[in-house]
Amino acid sequence: MIAAASNDLKLAAAKAAGADELINYSETPLRDAIKALTGGKGVDVVYDPVGGEMFELALRSTAWRGRVLVVGFASGDIPKVPVNLMLLKGCAVVGVFWGAFRGKELALDNENFDQMFKWYAECNLNPHI
């Protein structure tokens, strides 16, 4: 897992949570670092709870048929991106909104929670609280 953040404090938290590689995009261009770490391939999945100006760079850093998970907009900025990027990369941008998912797919969400509790009981899931 590659974690990217704007400062070393955030990256230390990501490392403690299990990140394998760290990118401080305040010091190193995000796309260049991702290309170097992936041998030019790009990443398969982007998890983005921040939005803002880094969203397009993250999208551009996906591999062919990659996925970008839009989880939130902690930066306060909702990004606007050229949709031709999805066409050129064959990638997908997916909105991840748990509240709506639970409301529309209760049975599946309950299955997901059952699986998470199983992983927790097996010590395969260690949430940071």
N, C-alpha and C. Protein backbone atom coordinates (compact mmCIF):
# COMPACT_ATOMS: atom_id res chain seq x y z
N MET A 1 0.85 -1.16 0.00
CA MET A 1 0.00 0.00 0.00
C MET A 1 0.90 1.23 0.00
N ILE A 2 0.55 2.19 -0.83
CA ILE A 2 1.25 3.47 -0.92
C ILE A 2 0.37 4.52 -0.27
N ALA A 3 0.91 5.25 0.68
CA ALA A 3 0.16 6.35 1.32
C ALA A 3 0.78 7.66 0.87
N ALA A 4 -0.08 8.62 0.57
CA ALA A 4 0.38 9.96 0.18
C ALA A 4 -0.30 10.98 1.08
N ALA A 5 0.49 11.94 1.55
CA ALA A 5 -0.05 12.99 2.42
C ALA A 5 0.81 14.23 2.29
N SER A 6 0.31 15.31 2.88
CA SER A 6 0.98 16.61 2.75
C SER A 6 2.07 16.84 3.79
N ASN A 7 2.16 15.98 4.81
CA ASN A 7 3.22 16.19 5.81
C ASN A 7 3.63 14.87 6.45
N ASP A 8 4.77 14.92 7.13
CA ASP A 8 5.34 13.71 7.70
C ASP A 8 4.54 13.16 8.88
N LEU A 9 3.84 14.01 9.61
CA LEU A 9 3.02 13.54 10.72
C LEU A 9 1.90 12.62 10.22
N LYS A 10 1.24 13.04 9.15
CA LYS A 10 0.19 12.21 8.55
C LYS A 10 0.77 10.92 7.99
N LEU A 11 1.95 11.01 7.40
CA LEU A 11 2.59 9.82 6.84
C LEU A 11 3.01 8.85 7.94
N ALA A 12 3.42 9.36 9.09
CA ALA A 12 3.77 8.48 10.21
C ALA A 12 2.55 7.69 10.67
N ALA A 13 1.39 8.33 10.69
CA ALA A 13 0.16 7.63 11.05
C ALA A 13 -0.16 6.55 10.02
N ALA A 14 0.05 6.86 8.74
CA ALA A 14 -0.20 5.88 7.68
C ALA A 14 0.76 4.71 7.80
N LYS A 15 2.01 4.99 8.11
CA LYS A 15 3.01 3.92 8.28
C LYS A 15 2.62 3.02 9.45
N ALA A 16 2.19 3.64 10.55
CA ALA A 16 1.77 2.86 11.72
C ALA A 16 0.56 1.99 11.41
N ALA A 17 -0.26 2.43 10.45
CA ALA A 17 -1.45 1.66 10.06
C ALA A 17 -1.14 0.60 9.01
N GLY A 18 0.12 0.54 8.55
CA GLY A 18 0.50 -0.54 7.65
C GLY A 18 0.93 -0.15 6.25
N ALA A 19 1.06 1.13 5.96
CA ALA A 19 1.49 1.54 4.62
C ALA A 19 2.90 1.01 4.35
N ASP A 20 3.11 0.53 3.13
CA ASP A 20 4.42 0.01 2.73
C ASP A 20 5.34 1.11 2.22
N GLU A 21 4.77 2.06 1.50
CA GLU A 21 5.53 3.16 0.91
C GLU A 21 4.85 4.47 1.26
N LEU A 22 5.64 5.54 1.38
CA LEU A 22 5.12 6.84 1.76
C LEU A 22 5.54 7.90 0.75
N ILE A 23 4.61 8.80 0.43
CA ILE A 23 4.91 9.93 -0.45
C ILE A 23 4.46 11.21 0.23
N ASN A 24 5.40 12.12 0.46
CA ASN A 24 5.06 13.45 0.95
C ASN A 24 4.94 14.34 -0.29
N TYR A 25 3.72 14.59 -0.72
CA TYR A 25 3.53 15.32 -1.98
C TYR A 25 3.79 16.81 -1.84
N SER A 26 4.13 17.28 -0.65
CA SER A 26 4.60 18.66 -0.50
C SER A 26 6.06 18.77 -0.91
N GLU A 27 6.75 17.63 -0.91
CA GLU A 27 8.18 17.60 -1.23
C GLU A 27 8.48 16.92 -2.56
N THR A 28 7.65 15.98 -2.96
CA THR A 28 7.88 15.17 -4.15
C THR A 28 6.63 15.17 -5.02
N PRO A 29 6.75 15.42 -6.33
CA PRO A 29 5.57 15.36 -7.18
C PRO A 29 4.90 13.98 -7.10
N LEU A 30 3.60 13.97 -6.83
CA LEU A 30 2.86 12.72 -6.61
C LEU A 30 2.98 11.76 -7.78
N ARG A 31 2.73 12.23 -8.98
CA ARG A 31 2.76 11.33 -10.15
C ARG A 31 4.13 10.71 -10.34
N ASP A 32 5.18 11.52 -10.18
CA ASP A 32 6.54 11.00 -10.36
C ASP A 32 6.84 9.91 -9.34
N ALA A 33 6.45 10.15 -8.09
CA ALA A 33 6.71 9.17 -7.03
C ALA A 33 5.94 7.88 -7.28
N ILE A 34 4.68 7.99 -7.69
CA ILE A 34 3.88 6.79 -7.97
C ILE A 34 4.45 6.02 -9.14
N LYS A 35 4.86 6.73 -10.19
CA LYS A 35 5.47 6.05 -11.34
C LYS A 35 6.71 5.28 -10.91
N ALA A 36 7.54 5.92 -10.08
CA ALA A 36 8.77 5.26 -9.62
C ALA A 36 8.46 4.02 -8.78
N LEU A 37 7.49 4.13 -7.90
CA LEU A 37 7.15 3.01 -7.01
C LEU A 37 6.45 1.86 -7.71
N THR A 38 5.79 2.14 -8.83
CA THR A 38 5.02 1.10 -9.52
C THR A 38 5.66 0.68 -10.85
N GLY A 39 6.88 1.10 -11.08
CA GLY A 39 7.54 0.76 -12.34
C GLY A 39 6.83 1.35 -13.54
N GLY A 40 6.18 2.50 -13.35
CA GLY A 40 5.49 3.18 -14.44
C GLY A 40 4.06 2.72 -14.66
N LYS A 41 3.63 1.67 -13.97
CA LYS A 41 2.29 1.10 -14.17
C LYS A 41 1.18 1.98 -13.62
N GLY A 42 1.39 2.56 -12.46
CA GLY A 42 0.33 3.29 -11.77
C GLY A 42 -0.32 2.40 -10.73
N VAL A 43 -1.20 2.98 -9.94
CA VAL A 43 -1.85 2.24 -8.85
C VAL A 43 -3.18 1.64 -9.30
N ASP A 44 -3.55 0.54 -8.68
CA ASP A 44 -4.81 -0.12 -9.02
C ASP A 44 -6.01 0.56 -8.37
N VAL A 45 -5.83 1.04 -7.14
CA VAL A 45 -6.94 1.65 -6.41
C VAL A 45 -6.45 2.90 -5.70
N VAL A 46 -7.23 3.97 -5.82
CA VAL A 46 -6.99 5.20 -5.05
C VAL A 46 -8.15 5.34 -4.07
N TYR A 47 -7.83 5.52 -2.80
CA TYR A 47 -8.82 5.79 -1.75
C TYR A 47 -8.65 7.25 -1.40
N ASP A 48 -9.64 8.09 -1.74
CA ASP A 48 -9.49 9.53 -1.55
C ASP A 48 -10.58 10.11 -0.66
N PRO A 49 -10.26 10.34 0.62
CA PRO A 49 -11.22 11.00 1.51
C PRO A 49 -11.06 12.51 1.54
N VAL A 50 -10.11 13.05 0.75
CA VAL A 50 -9.75 14.47 0.85
C VAL A 50 -10.30 15.31 -0.29
N GLY A 51 -10.25 14.82 -1.52
CA GLY A 51 -10.68 15.61 -2.67
C GLY A 51 -9.68 16.71 -2.95
N GLY A 52 -10.17 17.82 -3.46
CA GLY A 52 -9.30 18.96 -3.70
C GLY A 52 -8.36 18.77 -4.87
N GLU A 53 -7.27 19.54 -4.84
CA GLU A 53 -6.36 19.61 -5.97
C GLU A 53 -5.61 18.31 -6.24
N MET A 54 -5.45 17.45 -5.25
CA MET A 54 -4.71 16.21 -5.45
C MET A 54 -5.53 15.14 -6.17
N PHE A 55 -6.84 15.31 -6.24
CA PHE A 55 -7.70 14.29 -6.84
C PHE A 55 -7.30 14.00 -8.28
N GLU A 56 -7.15 15.04 -9.08
CA GLU A 56 -6.82 14.81 -10.49
C GLU A 56 -5.46 14.14 -10.64
N LEU A 57 -4.49 14.54 -9.82
CA LEU A 57 -3.18 13.89 -9.89
C LEU A 57 -3.28 12.42 -9.51
N ALA A 58 -4.08 12.12 -8.51
CA ALA A 58 -4.28 10.72 -8.12
C ALA A 58 -4.96 9.95 -9.25
N LEU A 59 -5.97 10.55 -9.86
CA LEU A 59 -6.66 9.91 -10.98
C LEU A 59 -5.69 9.65 -12.13
N ARG A 60 -4.85 10.61 -12.42
CA ARG A 60 -3.87 10.45 -13.50
C ARG A 60 -2.82 9.39 -13.16
N SER A 61 -2.70 9.05 -11.89
CA SER A 61 -1.71 8.08 -11.44
C SER A 61 -2.25 6.65 -11.37
N THR A 62 -3.48 6.45 -11.80
CA THR A 62 -4.04 5.09 -11.77
C THR A 62 -3.51 4.27 -12.94
N ALA A 63 -3.49 2.98 -12.73
CA ALA A 63 -3.12 2.04 -13.78
C ALA A 63 -4.31 1.86 -14.74
N TRP A 64 -4.05 1.21 -15.85
CA TRP A 64 -5.12 0.84 -16.76
C TRP A 64 -6.17 0.05 -15.98
N ARG A 65 -7.42 0.41 -16.12
CA ARG A 65 -8.57 -0.20 -15.44
C ARG A 65 -8.52 -0.04 -13.92
N GLY A 66 -7.83 1.00 -13.46
CA GLY A 66 -7.78 1.29 -12.03
C GLY A 66 -9.12 1.82 -11.54
N ARG A 67 -9.21 1.98 -10.23
CA ARG A 67 -10.43 2.51 -9.61
C ARG A 67 -10.06 3.63 -8.65
N VAL A 68 -10.85 4.67 -8.66
CA VAL A 68 -10.68 5.77 -7.72
C VAL A 68 -11.92 5.81 -6.84
N LEU A 69 -11.72 5.64 -5.55
CA LEU A 69 -12.83 5.63 -4.59
C LEU A 69 -12.96 7.02 -3.98
N VAL A 70 -14.06 7.68 -4.27
CA VAL A 70 -14.34 9.00 -3.73
C VAL A 70 -15.07 8.79 -2.41
N VAL A 71 -14.39 9.14 -1.30
CA VAL A 71 -14.93 8.86 0.02
C VAL A 71 -15.40 10.14 0.71
N GLY A 72 -14.82 11.27 0.34
CA GLY A 72 -15.21 12.52 0.97
C GLY A 72 -14.42 13.70 0.44
N PHE A 73 -14.63 14.83 1.06
CA PHE A 73 -14.00 16.07 0.63
C PHE A 73 -13.49 16.85 1.83
N ALA A 74 -12.59 16.21 2.60
CA ALA A 74 -12.05 16.83 3.81
C ALA A 74 -11.35 18.16 3.52
N SER A 75 -10.86 18.33 2.31
CA SER A 75 -10.19 19.58 1.96
C SER A 75 -11.17 20.73 1.85
N GLY A 76 -12.44 20.41 1.70
CA GLY A 76 -13.45 21.43 1.50
C GLY A 76 -13.68 21.77 0.04
N ASP A 77 -12.81 21.26 -0.83
CA ASP A 77 -12.94 21.51 -2.27
C ASP A 77 -13.42 20.26 -2.99
N ILE A 78 -14.47 20.41 -3.78
CA ILE A 78 -14.96 19.31 -4.60
C ILE A 78 -14.30 19.43 -5.96
N PRO A 79 -13.47 18.45 -6.34
CA PRO A 79 -12.71 18.58 -7.58
C PRO A 79 -13.58 18.44 -8.82
N LYS A 80 -13.13 19.08 -9.87
CA LYS A 80 -13.72 18.93 -11.19
C LYS A 80 -12.60 18.42 -12.09
N VAL A 81 -12.89 17.32 -12.79
CA VAL A 81 -11.85 16.71 -13.62
C VAL A 81 -12.36 16.46 -15.03
N PRO A 82 -11.44 16.46 -16.00
CA PRO A 82 -11.84 16.12 -17.37
C PRO A 82 -12.23 14.64 -17.46
N VAL A 83 -13.43 14.36 -17.91
CA VAL A 83 -13.90 12.97 -17.95
C VAL A 83 -13.17 12.13 -18.98
N ASN A 84 -12.44 12.76 -19.91
CA ASN A 84 -11.69 11.96 -20.87
C ASN A 84 -10.60 11.14 -20.19
N LEU A 85 -10.20 11.53 -18.99
CA LEU A 85 -9.18 10.74 -18.27
C LEU A 85 -9.69 9.33 -17.99
N MET A 86 -10.96 9.20 -17.63
CA MET A 86 -11.52 7.88 -17.38
C MET A 86 -11.53 7.05 -18.66
N LEU A 87 -11.83 7.69 -19.76
CA LEU A 87 -11.84 7.00 -21.05
C LEU A 87 -10.44 6.52 -21.41
N LEU A 88 -9.46 7.41 -21.31
CA LEU A 88 -8.10 7.08 -21.71
C LEU A 88 -7.47 6.01 -20.83
N LYS A 89 -7.84 5.97 -19.58
CA LYS A 89 -7.26 5.01 -18.64
C LYS A 89 -8.13 3.77 -18.45
N GLY A 90 -9.34 3.80 -19.01
CA GLY A 90 -10.26 2.68 -18.80
C GLY A 90 -10.54 2.49 -17.32
N CYS A 91 -10.49 3.58 -16.58
CA CYS A 91 -10.65 3.48 -15.12
C CYS A 91 -12.05 3.89 -14.69
N ALA A 92 -12.35 3.64 -13.43
CA ALA A 92 -13.66 3.97 -12.88
C ALA A 92 -13.50 4.85 -11.65
N VAL A 93 -14.38 5.81 -11.53
CA VAL A 93 -14.47 6.63 -10.33
C VAL A 93 -15.74 6.20 -9.62
N VAL A 94 -15.60 5.77 -8.36
CA VAL A 94 -16.72 5.18 -7.62
C VAL A 94 -16.98 5.99 -6.35
N GLY A 95 -18.21 6.42 -6.18
CA GLY A 95 -18.59 7.10 -4.94
C GLY A 95 -18.83 6.08 -3.84
N VAL A 96 -18.23 6.32 -2.68
CA VAL A 96 -18.36 5.41 -1.54
C VAL A 96 -19.02 6.19 -0.41
N PHE A 97 -20.32 5.98 -0.23
CA PHE A 97 -21.09 6.70 0.78
C PHE A 97 -21.82 5.66 1.61
N TRP A 98 -21.26 5.34 2.77
CA TRP A 98 -21.77 4.24 3.57
C TRP A 98 -23.23 4.45 3.96
N GLY A 99 -23.62 5.66 4.33
CA GLY A 99 -24.99 5.90 4.76
C GLY A 99 -26.00 5.52 3.69
N ALA A 100 -25.74 5.92 2.46
CA ALA A 100 -26.64 5.57 1.36
C ALA A 100 -26.62 4.07 1.08
N PHE A 101 -25.43 3.48 1.14
CA PHE A 101 -25.30 2.04 0.90
C PHE A 101 -26.12 1.26 1.93
N ARG A 102 -25.99 1.64 3.20
CA ARG A 102 -26.73 0.93 4.25
C ARG A 102 -28.23 1.09 4.04
N GLY A 103 -28.66 2.28 3.64
CA GLY A 103 -30.08 2.51 3.43
C GLY A 103 -30.66 1.75 2.25
N LYS A 104 -29.84 1.49 1.24
CA LYS A 104 -30.34 0.84 0.02
C LYS A 104 -30.03 -0.65 -0.03
N GLU A 105 -29.00 -1.09 0.69
CA GLU A 105 -28.59 -2.50 0.60
C GLU A 105 -28.29 -3.05 1.99
N LEU A 106 -29.30 -3.02 2.84
CA LEU A 106 -29.15 -3.41 4.24
C LEU A 106 -28.60 -4.83 4.40
N ALA A 107 -29.15 -5.78 3.68
CA ALA A 107 -28.71 -7.18 3.83
C ALA A 107 -27.23 -7.32 3.48
N LEU A 108 -26.81 -6.72 2.38
CA LEU A 108 -25.40 -6.80 1.98
C LEU A 108 -24.51 -6.08 2.99
N ASP A 109 -24.96 -4.95 3.50
CA ASP A 109 -24.18 -4.23 4.50
C ASP A 109 -24.04 -5.07 5.77
N ASN A 110 -25.10 -5.76 6.17
CA ASN A 110 -25.02 -6.65 7.33
C ASN A 110 -24.01 -7.77 7.10
N GLU A 111 -23.98 -8.32 5.88
CA GLU A 111 -22.98 -9.34 5.55
C GLU A 111 -21.57 -8.77 5.67
N ASN A 112 -21.40 -7.54 5.19
CA ASN A 112 -20.09 -6.89 5.29
C ASN A 112 -19.66 -6.74 6.74
N PHE A 113 -20.59 -6.32 7.60
CA PHE A 113 -20.26 -6.18 9.02
C PHE A 113 -19.94 -7.53 9.65
N ASP A 114 -20.68 -8.57 9.29
CA ASP A 114 -20.37 -9.91 9.79
C ASP A 114 -18.93 -10.29 9.43
N GLN A 115 -18.54 -10.01 8.18
CA GLN A 115 -17.18 -10.33 7.74
C GLN A 115 -16.15 -9.51 8.51
N MET A 116 -16.42 -8.22 8.70
CA MET A 116 -15.48 -7.39 9.45
C MET A 116 -15.31 -7.87 10.88
N PHE A 117 -16.41 -8.25 11.54
CA PHE A 117 -16.31 -8.76 12.90
C PHE A 117 -15.54 -10.08 12.94
N LYS A 118 -15.69 -10.89 11.92
CA LYS A 118 -14.93 -12.14 11.83
C LYS A 118 -13.45 -11.82 11.71
N TRP A 119 -13.09 -10.90 10.81
CA TRP A 119 -11.69 -10.51 10.67
C TRP A 119 -11.13 -9.95 11.98
N TYR A 120 -11.95 -9.16 12.67
CA TYR A 120 -11.52 -8.59 13.95
C TYR A 120 -11.26 -9.70 14.97
N ALA A 121 -12.16 -10.67 15.05
CA ALA A 121 -12.00 -11.79 15.99
C ALA A 121 -10.75 -12.61 15.66
N GLU A 122 -10.39 -12.67 14.38
CA GLU A 122 -9.21 -13.41 13.95
C GLU A 122 -7.94 -12.56 14.02
N CYS A 123 -8.07 -11.33 14.51
CA CYS A 123 -6.95 -10.37 14.59
C CYS A 123 -6.40 -9.99 13.21
N ASN A 124 -7.25 -10.06 12.20
CA ASN A 124 -6.88 -9.64 10.85
C ASN A 124 -7.33 -8.22 10.54
N LEU A 125 -8.04 -7.62 11.47
CA LEU A 125 -8.51 -6.25 11.31
C LEU A 125 -8.27 -5.55 12.64
N ASN A 126 -7.48 -4.50 12.60
CA ASN A 126 -7.12 -3.78 13.82
C ASN A 126 -7.45 -2.31 13.65
N PRO A 127 -8.67 -1.92 13.94
CA PRO A 127 -9.08 -0.53 13.71
C PRO A 127 -8.35 0.44 14.64
N HIS A 128 -8.03 1.60 14.10
CA HIS A 128 -7.44 2.68 14.88
C HIS A 128 -8.58 3.49 15.48
N ILE A 129 -8.66 3.52 16.79
CA ILE A 129 -9.76 4.23 17.46
C ILE A 129 -9.19 5.36 18.29
